[in-house]
Amino acid sequence: MKKIQAIPILLIFLLPILCEAQLKNTLKKQSDKAVDEGVNSLFGKKKKGKDKNIENADPAESEEVKDKQNEGDNEISEANEEKAVLKWAKYDFVPGDQIIFEDDLMFEENGEFPSRWDLYAGNVEVAEYGSDMVIMLRDGHPSIIPYFTEPQTDYLPDVFTIEFDLYYPGSGSFETHLYDRKNQKSGSPTGYTAIQIHYNEMGMAQFKSRLPDENIEKSRWMHIAIAYTNGKLKAYMDETRLLNIPRIDFDPKGLTFYTYHANNDNLFYIKNVRIAEGGVKYYDRVLEDGKIIANGIRFDVNKSTLKPESMGIINEIYELMEKYPDLKFSVEGHTDSDGDDAFNQTLSEERAKAVMNKLISMGINQERLSYKGLGETVSISSNESAEGKAENRRVEFVKI
């Protein structure tokens, strides 16, 4: 009995001590929280955390709150992606407006030869790289050419552009020949017809230039763009123009992708290939047609996120509006016919808005711009071919 009575007596003595310790712990937590909030407030930051009301809220209301949080996260993500686009602020490449050849590798099968190409040498097949389908150049000195029904003819006009994404594996070189090595003669008296590409430089004949960044990764994806205008050739690696040749000594007739250095331990990949004929200057288009049709503004698949290579056109529009302060545009988005009509309508609106917002962020007065989407309702080409679909996926700047 004495032992049983001793326990409550002991608790009477310990209770004040325990209460004091608990009070100190609570005060310490409150103090730490106040310090954290003060520091975060000082540096403009706020800790993320779950809303305490979510756990006790109605399930439907909880989902609504989560959706709002997700929308906020998406806005943050888009803001970060927007910053990535800004590094192409000086990019001045503008693609041609009439598409001659387009291959986005839709409906291709893994392990098969790409259906829109012909093989000159080596081993080439379609492969999956992450979530994308790509053309994989494996071994045997692979060399491929776009497939045309009459490949002997000169299918490159006096003004054209070529674009593609290239994965450089870290060693060797990749060559872009400006004629069809299987079906055409080069026409070059010196035999130099190729733009040679390494991880940080490009060269053609005696002309060569390197990226200014010495710390660039050797194994990486890069966007390659080539512009030819009546003998003059420019070539870009990502946002940097590396070649500016006033006159090459032959007439480009076609295209060949080739690498001597591909093997199963050094794989090259290609995707998003486009050849297009150039057009008249943007201001002349506005005067003649009342609008500018731009199918070189690119977005992520089924999203309104601008790709960096879109900045060439956007920079041109910005400079045009800066030069002519009375010029106003309705930015209008269009899609091809693939997919759901309602989704295409919404997507076209979001893409038009993204382009408008980019111009506003660059300094164009918001009162000079509006936007709308027309989905797939206004086609300018047939949706039966890859080239036609690419022309229908466009942004128009309509004078208002």
Protein backbone atom coordinates (compact mmCIF):
# COMPACT_ATOMS: atom_id res chain seq x y z
CA MET A 1 0.00 0.00 0.00
CA LYS A 2 2.85 2.42 0.83
CA LYS A 3 4.34 1.99 -2.65
CA ILE A 4 0.98 2.75 -4.30
CA GLN A 5 0.56 5.95 -2.28
CA ALA A 6 4.11 7.07 -3.10
CA ILE A 7 3.36 7.34 -6.83
CA PRO A 8 0.73 10.14 -6.65
CA ILE A 9 2.91 11.98 -4.11
CA LEU A 10 5.86 11.77 -6.52
CA LEU A 11 3.69 13.08 -9.38
CA ILE A 12 2.69 16.09 -7.26
CA PHE A 13 6.36 17.09 -7.01
CA LEU A 14 7.17 16.30 -10.68
CA LEU A 15 4.12 18.02 -12.23
CA PRO A 16 5.43 21.62 -11.92
CA ILE A 17 8.75 20.57 -13.42
CA LEU A 18 7.07 18.81 -16.37
CA CYS A 19 4.77 21.77 -17.00
CA GLU A 20 7.71 24.16 -16.99
CA ALA A 21 9.62 21.97 -19.46
CA GLN A 22 6.57 21.73 -21.75
CA LEU A 23 6.10 25.51 -21.56
CA LYS A 24 9.74 26.10 -22.48
CA ASN A 25 9.47 23.68 -25.41
CA THR A 26 6.32 25.45 -26.69
CA LEU A 27 7.92 28.87 -26.34
CA LYS A 28 11.03 27.62 -28.15
CA LYS A 29 8.93 26.33 -31.09
CA GLN A 30 7.06 29.61 -31.31
CA SER A 31 10.33 31.53 -31.16
CA ASP A 32 11.90 29.36 -33.86
CA LYS A 33 8.84 29.81 -36.06
CA ALA A 34 8.94 33.57 -35.55
CA VAL A 35 12.63 33.65 -36.47
CA ASP A 36 12.02 31.50 -39.58
CA GLU A 37 9.15 33.74 -40.69
CA GLY A 38 11.21 36.82 -40.05
CA VAL A 39 14.16 35.52 -42.07
CA ASN A 40 11.93 34.31 -44.90
CA SER A 41 10.09 37.62 -44.92
CA LEU A 42 13.39 39.46 -45.03
CA PHE A 43 14.49 37.58 -48.15
CA GLY A 44 11.08 37.54 -49.78
CA LYS A 45 10.57 33.80 -49.33
CA LYS A 46 7.82 31.76 -47.77
CA LYS A 47 7.92 28.16 -46.64
CA LYS A 48 5.59 25.82 -48.46
CA GLY A 49 3.30 23.62 -46.40
CA LYS A 50 -0.02 21.82 -46.46
CA ASP A 51 -3.12 23.84 -45.75
CA LYS A 52 -4.25 22.68 -42.29
CA ASN A 53 -7.87 22.96 -43.44
CA ILE A 54 -7.41 20.37 -46.20
CA GLU A 55 -7.31 17.39 -43.84
CA ASN A 56 -10.70 18.27 -42.30
CA ALA A 57 -12.31 19.69 -45.44
CA ASP A 58 -14.95 18.14 -47.63
CA PRO A 59 -13.31 15.79 -50.23
CA ALA A 60 -14.65 17.84 -53.14
CA GLU A 61 -13.39 21.05 -51.54
CA SER A 62 -10.03 19.39 -50.87
CA GLU A 63 -9.66 18.54 -54.54
CA GLU A 64 -10.54 22.13 -55.43
CA VAL A 65 -7.85 23.43 -53.08
CA LYS A 66 -5.33 20.97 -54.48
CA ASP A 67 -6.22 22.04 -58.02
CA LYS A 68 -5.58 25.66 -57.07
CA GLN A 69 -2.23 24.69 -55.56
CA ASN A 70 -1.36 22.76 -58.73
CA GLU A 71 -2.28 25.79 -60.81
CA GLY A 72 0.12 27.84 -58.72
CA ASP A 73 2.84 25.24 -59.21
CA ASN A 74 2.21 25.30 -62.96
CA GLU A 75 2.53 29.08 -62.98
CA ILE A 76 5.86 28.80 -61.19
CA SER A 77 7.00 26.12 -63.64
CA GLU A 78 5.97 28.23 -66.63
CA ALA A 79 7.81 31.20 -65.16
CA ASN A 80 10.98 29.13 -64.89
CA GLU A 81 10.55 27.91 -68.46
CA GLU A 82 10.02 31.50 -69.54
CA LYS A 83 13.43 32.37 -68.10
CA ALA A 84 14.95 29.57 -70.18
CA VAL A 85 13.50 31.15 -73.33
CA LEU A 86 15.04 34.52 -72.49
CA LYS A 87 18.58 33.28 -73.02
CA TRP A 88 17.72 33.21 -76.76
CA ALA A 89 16.97 36.93 -76.68
CA LYS A 90 19.50 37.69 -79.46
CA TYR A 91 18.50 34.75 -81.67
CA ASP A 92 17.76 36.12 -85.15
CA PHE A 93 17.07 32.98 -87.18
CA VAL A 94 13.68 33.10 -88.88
CA PRO A 95 12.53 29.86 -90.60
CA GLY A 96 10.97 29.77 -94.04
CA ASP A 97 7.19 29.93 -94.24
CA GLN A 98 6.50 27.27 -96.87
CA ILE A 99 7.37 23.81 -95.64
CA ILE A 100 9.06 21.49 -98.15
CA PHE A 101 9.82 18.56 -95.84
CA GLU A 102 8.75 17.83 -92.26
CA ASP A 103 9.33 14.77 -90.10
CA ASP A 104 8.20 14.68 -86.48
CA LEU A 105 8.40 10.84 -86.50
CA MET A 106 4.74 10.45 -85.59
CA PHE A 107 3.40 6.89 -85.95
CA GLU A 108 6.90 5.46 -86.51
CA GLU A 109 7.73 2.06 -84.99
CA ASN A 110 10.68 1.47 -82.71
CA GLY A 111 13.43 -0.49 -84.49
CA GLU A 112 12.20 0.23 -88.03
CA PHE A 113 13.85 2.42 -90.65
CA PRO A 114 12.24 5.92 -90.65
CA SER A 115 9.58 5.88 -93.38
CA ARG A 116 10.18 9.42 -94.68
CA TRP A 117 13.87 8.83 -95.40
CA ASP A 118 16.11 6.91 -97.78
CA LEU A 119 19.37 5.17 -96.88
CA TYR A 120 22.68 5.80 -98.60
CA ALA A 121 24.96 3.85 -96.23
CA GLY A 122 25.21 2.33 -92.78
CA ASN A 123 22.67 1.33 -90.15
CA VAL A 124 19.86 3.69 -89.16
CA GLU A 125 16.61 3.04 -87.30
CA VAL A 126 13.89 4.66 -85.23
CA ALA A 127 14.41 4.53 -81.46
CA GLU A 128 12.87 5.92 -78.28
CA TYR A 129 14.82 8.56 -76.39
CA GLY A 130 12.97 9.47 -73.21
CA SER A 131 9.43 10.27 -74.33
CA ASP A 132 10.45 11.14 -77.91
CA MET A 133 10.89 9.10 -81.06
CA VAL A 134 14.26 9.79 -82.70
CA ILE A 135 16.33 8.70 -85.69
CA MET A 136 19.29 6.73 -84.38
CA LEU A 137 22.49 6.63 -86.46
CA ARG A 138 24.20 3.45 -85.32
CA ASP A 139 27.16 2.22 -87.33
CA GLY A 140 28.56 1.53 -90.80
CA HIS A 141 29.13 5.23 -91.57
CA PRO A 142 25.38 5.97 -91.58
CA SER A 143 24.08 8.37 -94.21
CA ILE A 144 20.40 9.26 -94.81
CA ILE A 145 18.49 11.55 -97.16
CA PRO A 146 14.89 12.83 -97.19
CA TYR A 147 12.68 10.70 -99.39
CA PHE A 148 11.30 12.50 -102.45
CA THR A 149 9.58 10.83 -105.40
CA GLU A 150 11.95 12.60 -107.82
CA PRO A 151 15.17 12.82 -105.80
CA GLN A 152 17.35 13.84 -108.76
CA THR A 153 15.63 17.22 -108.98
CA ASP A 154 16.84 20.31 -107.13
CA TYR A 155 14.27 20.60 -104.32
CA LEU A 156 16.03 23.41 -102.43
CA PRO A 157 14.95 26.89 -103.63
CA ASP A 158 17.08 30.04 -103.77
CA VAL A 159 15.94 30.94 -100.25
CA PHE A 160 15.50 28.11 -97.74
CA THR A 161 16.02 27.07 -94.13
CA ILE A 162 16.85 23.72 -92.52
CA GLU A 163 16.27 22.93 -88.84
CA PHE A 164 16.77 19.84 -86.71
CA ASP A 165 17.66 18.71 -83.20
CA LEU A 166 20.87 16.72 -82.92
CA TYR A 167 22.19 14.66 -80.03
CA TYR A 168 25.97 14.76 -80.08
CA PRO A 169 27.37 11.81 -78.08
CA GLY A 170 30.66 13.42 -77.06
CA SER A 171 33.09 12.59 -79.84
CA GLY A 172 33.43 12.54 -83.62
CA SER A 173 31.71 14.86 -86.07
CA PHE A 174 28.32 15.09 -87.75
CA GLU A 175 27.94 16.38 -91.31
CA THR A 176 25.06 18.14 -93.04
CA HIS A 177 25.65 17.95 -96.80
CA LEU A 178 23.69 20.37 -98.95
CA TYR A 179 23.03 17.87 -101.72
CA ASP A 180 21.64 14.34 -102.00
CA ARG A 181 24.73 12.09 -101.98
CA LYS A 182 22.76 9.16 -103.40
CA ASN A 183 20.91 10.83 -106.28
CA GLN A 184 22.61 14.16 -107.06
CA LYS A 185 26.01 15.58 -107.94
CA SER A 186 27.39 18.15 -105.55
CA GLY A 187 28.26 20.82 -108.11
CA SER A 188 31.02 22.12 -105.87
CA PRO A 189 34.37 22.68 -107.64
CA THR A 190 36.22 22.21 -104.35
CA GLY A 191 34.15 19.29 -103.09
CA TYR A 192 33.24 21.02 -99.81
CA THR A 193 29.48 20.70 -99.40
CA ALA A 194 29.08 19.82 -95.73
CA ILE A 195 28.62 21.78 -92.55
CA GLN A 196 30.64 19.85 -89.97
CA ILE A 197 29.26 19.88 -86.45
CA HIS A 198 31.08 19.14 -83.20
CA TYR A 199 29.86 19.68 -79.66
CA ASN A 200 31.03 23.31 -79.60
CA GLU A 201 31.86 24.33 -83.17
CA MET A 202 30.71 24.35 -86.78
CA GLY A 203 32.73 24.55 -89.96
CA MET A 204 32.35 24.57 -93.74
CA ALA A 205 35.44 24.43 -95.98
CA GLN A 206 37.88 27.01 -94.54
CA PHE A 207 35.19 28.71 -92.44
CA LYS A 208 34.98 27.64 -88.80
CA SER A 209 33.76 29.07 -85.51
CA ARG A 210 33.37 27.95 -81.89
CA LEU A 211 30.92 28.69 -79.11
CA PRO A 212 32.21 31.28 -76.63
CA ASP A 213 31.43 29.05 -73.65
CA GLU A 214 34.41 26.82 -72.86
CA ASN A 215 32.56 24.78 -70.22
CA ILE A 216 29.78 23.46 -72.44
CA GLU A 217 28.87 19.79 -72.11
CA LYS A 218 30.23 17.49 -74.80
CA SER A 219 27.35 15.01 -74.78
CA ARG A 220 24.13 16.96 -75.30
CA TRP A 221 21.15 17.88 -77.44
CA MET A 222 21.55 20.94 -79.65
CA HIS A 223 19.27 22.79 -82.05
CA ILE A 224 20.82 23.30 -85.50
CA ALA A 225 19.47 25.93 -87.91
CA ILE A 226 20.73 26.77 -91.41
CA ALA A 227 19.59 29.71 -93.54
CA TYR A 228 20.52 30.07 -97.22
CA THR A 229 19.71 33.15 -99.33
CA ASN A 230 20.97 33.31 -102.92
CA GLY A 231 24.47 32.10 -102.13
CA LYS A 232 24.79 33.47 -98.59
CA LEU A 233 24.77 30.91 -95.78
CA LYS A 234 24.26 31.30 -92.04
CA ALA A 235 24.33 28.46 -89.52
CA TYR A 236 23.38 28.40 -85.84
CA MET A 237 24.08 26.10 -82.91
CA ASP A 238 21.34 26.70 -80.37
CA GLU A 239 21.04 30.50 -80.04
CA THR A 240 24.52 31.32 -81.41
CA ARG A 241 25.26 32.04 -85.07
CA LEU A 242 28.57 30.34 -85.81
CA LEU A 243 28.77 30.64 -89.60
CA ASN A 244 28.10 33.67 -91.77
CA ILE A 245 29.50 32.90 -95.23
CA PRO A 246 28.86 35.62 -97.85
CA ARG A 247 28.92 33.17 -100.77
CA ILE A 248 29.40 29.42 -101.11
CA ASP A 249 30.77 28.04 -104.37
CA PHE A 250 27.87 25.74 -105.33
CA ASP A 251 24.10 25.65 -105.58
CA PRO A 252 22.53 23.56 -102.76
CA LYS A 253 20.18 20.96 -104.25
CA GLY A 254 19.24 18.59 -101.44
CA LEU A 255 20.15 17.28 -98.01
CA THR A 256 22.20 14.42 -96.56
CA PHE A 257 22.86 13.66 -92.89
CA TYR A 258 26.08 11.71 -92.41
CA THR A 259 28.55 10.72 -89.72
CA TYR A 260 31.65 8.61 -90.03
CA HIS A 261 31.97 8.27 -86.26
CA ALA A 262 28.70 6.62 -85.23
CA ASN A 263 28.89 3.21 -83.57
CA ASN A 264 27.01 1.32 -80.86
CA ASP A 265 29.12 3.05 -78.20
CA ASN A 266 28.84 6.49 -79.83
CA LEU A 267 25.25 6.93 -81.02
CA PHE A 268 23.99 10.05 -82.78
CA TYR A 269 20.27 10.95 -82.70
CA ILE A 270 18.16 13.32 -84.85
CA LYS A 271 14.59 14.63 -84.46
CA ASN A 272 12.29 17.49 -85.53
CA VAL A 273 13.66 17.87 -89.05
CA ARG A 274 12.17 20.65 -91.19
CA ILE A 275 13.09 22.12 -94.58
CA ALA A 276 11.23 25.28 -95.59
CA GLU A 277 11.28 27.86 -98.34
CA GLY A 278 11.96 31.43 -97.19
CA GLY A 279 9.53 34.29 -97.71
CA VAL A 280 9.40 38.06 -97.97
CA LYS A 281 10.27 40.32 -95.05
CA TYR A 282 7.72 40.65 -92.27
CA TYR A 283 6.86 44.30 -92.88
CA ASP A 284 6.25 43.60 -96.56
CA ARG A 285 3.90 40.80 -95.58
CA VAL A 286 1.92 43.14 -93.35
CA LEU A 287 1.62 45.67 -96.18
CA GLU A 288 0.63 43.04 -98.76
CA ASP A 289 -1.48 40.60 -96.74
CA GLY A 290 -2.35 42.48 -93.56
CA LYS A 291 -0.84 39.68 -91.49
CA ILE A 292 2.25 37.59 -90.81
CA ILE A 293 1.92 33.80 -90.83
CA ALA A 294 4.53 32.18 -88.59
CA ASN A 295 4.78 28.40 -88.44
CA GLY A 296 8.23 28.54 -86.88
CA ILE A 297 6.91 29.33 -83.41
CA ARG A 298 7.22 26.01 -81.58
CA PHE A 299 5.61 24.66 -78.44
CA ASP A 300 5.94 21.52 -76.35
CA VAL A 301 3.59 18.77 -77.54
CA ASN A 302 -0.02 19.51 -76.52
CA LYS A 303 1.17 22.44 -74.36
CA SER A 304 1.47 26.20 -74.62
CA THR A 305 5.08 26.26 -73.41
CA LEU A 306 7.24 28.12 -75.92
CA LYS A 307 10.37 26.40 -77.17
CA PRO A 308 13.57 28.49 -77.23
CA GLU A 309 13.90 28.32 -81.03
CA SER A 310 10.67 30.30 -81.27
CA MET A 311 12.55 33.39 -80.18
CA GLY A 312 13.91 34.08 -83.69
CA ILE A 313 10.42 34.97 -84.94
CA ILE A 314 9.31 36.62 -81.71
CA ASN A 315 12.41 38.83 -81.71
CA GLU A 316 11.62 39.86 -85.29
CA ILE A 317 8.04 40.76 -84.38
CA TYR A 318 9.28 42.72 -81.37
CA GLU A 319 11.75 44.72 -83.50
CA LEU A 320 9.03 45.38 -86.10
CA MET A 321 6.65 46.72 -83.44
CA GLU A 322 9.42 48.81 -81.91
CA LYS A 323 10.23 50.32 -85.31
CA TYR A 324 6.58 51.04 -86.14
CA PRO A 325 4.91 52.17 -82.88
CA ASP A 326 1.46 52.49 -84.50
CA LEU A 327 1.43 48.81 -85.50
CA LYS A 328 -1.03 46.64 -83.54
CA PHE A 329 -1.56 42.90 -83.80
CA SER A 330 -4.14 40.28 -82.94
CA VAL A 331 -2.12 37.17 -82.08
CA GLU A 332 -4.10 34.19 -83.38
CA GLY A 333 -3.36 30.53 -82.72
CA HIS A 334 -4.16 27.62 -85.06
CA THR A 335 -3.75 23.83 -84.83
CA ASP A 336 -3.87 20.91 -87.24
CA SER A 337 -6.84 18.51 -87.26
CA ASP A 338 -5.34 15.83 -85.03
CA GLY A 339 -7.06 15.32 -81.70
CA ASP A 340 -10.27 16.57 -80.10
CA ASP A 341 -11.86 19.74 -81.50
CA ALA A 342 -12.49 21.29 -78.09
CA PHE A 343 -8.96 20.54 -76.92
CA ASN A 344 -7.50 22.07 -80.09
CA GLN A 345 -9.60 25.20 -79.56
CA THR A 346 -8.36 25.64 -75.99
CA LEU A 347 -4.78 24.83 -76.97
CA SER A 348 -4.80 27.42 -79.77
CA GLU A 349 -6.05 30.08 -77.35
CA GLU A 350 -3.41 29.26 -74.73
CA ARG A 351 -0.62 29.30 -77.31
CA ALA A 352 -1.72 32.65 -78.74
CA LYS A 353 -1.86 34.07 -75.22
CA ALA A 354 1.64 32.73 -74.45
CA VAL A 355 3.08 34.51 -77.50
CA MET A 356 1.27 37.74 -76.65
CA ASN A 357 2.51 37.60 -73.05
CA LYS A 358 6.07 37.04 -74.23
CA LEU A 359 5.94 40.20 -76.36
CA ILE A 360 4.44 42.15 -73.45
CA SER A 361 7.18 40.91 -71.14
CA MET A 362 9.74 42.16 -73.67
CA GLY A 363 8.29 45.66 -73.47
CA ILE A 364 5.47 45.91 -76.02
CA ASN A 365 2.51 47.89 -74.65
CA GLN A 366 -0.38 45.57 -73.82
CA GLU A 367 -2.83 47.90 -75.57
CA ARG A 368 -1.16 47.07 -78.90
CA LEU A 369 -1.86 43.35 -78.61
CA SER A 370 -4.82 41.02 -78.30
CA TYR A 371 -5.15 37.26 -78.75
CA LYS A 372 -7.57 34.55 -79.79
CA GLY A 373 -7.56 30.92 -80.85
CA LEU A 374 -9.26 29.35 -83.83
CA GLY A 375 -8.32 25.72 -83.24
CA GLU A 376 -8.44 23.65 -86.41
CA THR A 377 -11.23 25.66 -88.07
CA VAL A 378 -9.06 27.69 -90.50
CA SER A 379 -6.66 25.43 -92.40
CA ILE A 380 -4.25 26.82 -94.98
CA SER A 381 -3.06 23.42 -96.17
CA SER A 382 -4.19 19.81 -96.31
CA ASN A 383 -4.06 17.80 -93.09
CA GLU A 384 -3.29 14.67 -95.10
CA SER A 385 0.51 15.19 -95.03
CA ALA A 386 3.10 15.98 -92.39
CA GLU A 387 4.04 19.16 -94.23
CA GLY A 388 0.40 20.28 -94.44
CA LYS A 389 -0.17 19.68 -90.75
CA ALA A 390 3.00 21.61 -89.92
CA GLU A 391 1.76 24.60 -91.94
CA ASN A 392 -1.60 24.48 -90.17
CA ARG A 393 0.10 24.51 -86.74
CA ARG A 394 0.84 28.21 -86.81
CA VAL A 395 0.55 31.57 -85.12
CA GLU A 396 -0.69 34.53 -87.16
CA PHE A 397 -0.06 38.19 -86.36
CA VAL A 398 -3.06 39.97 -87.88
CA LYS A 399 -2.88 43.75 -88.21
CA ILE A 400 -5.63 45.60 -86.32
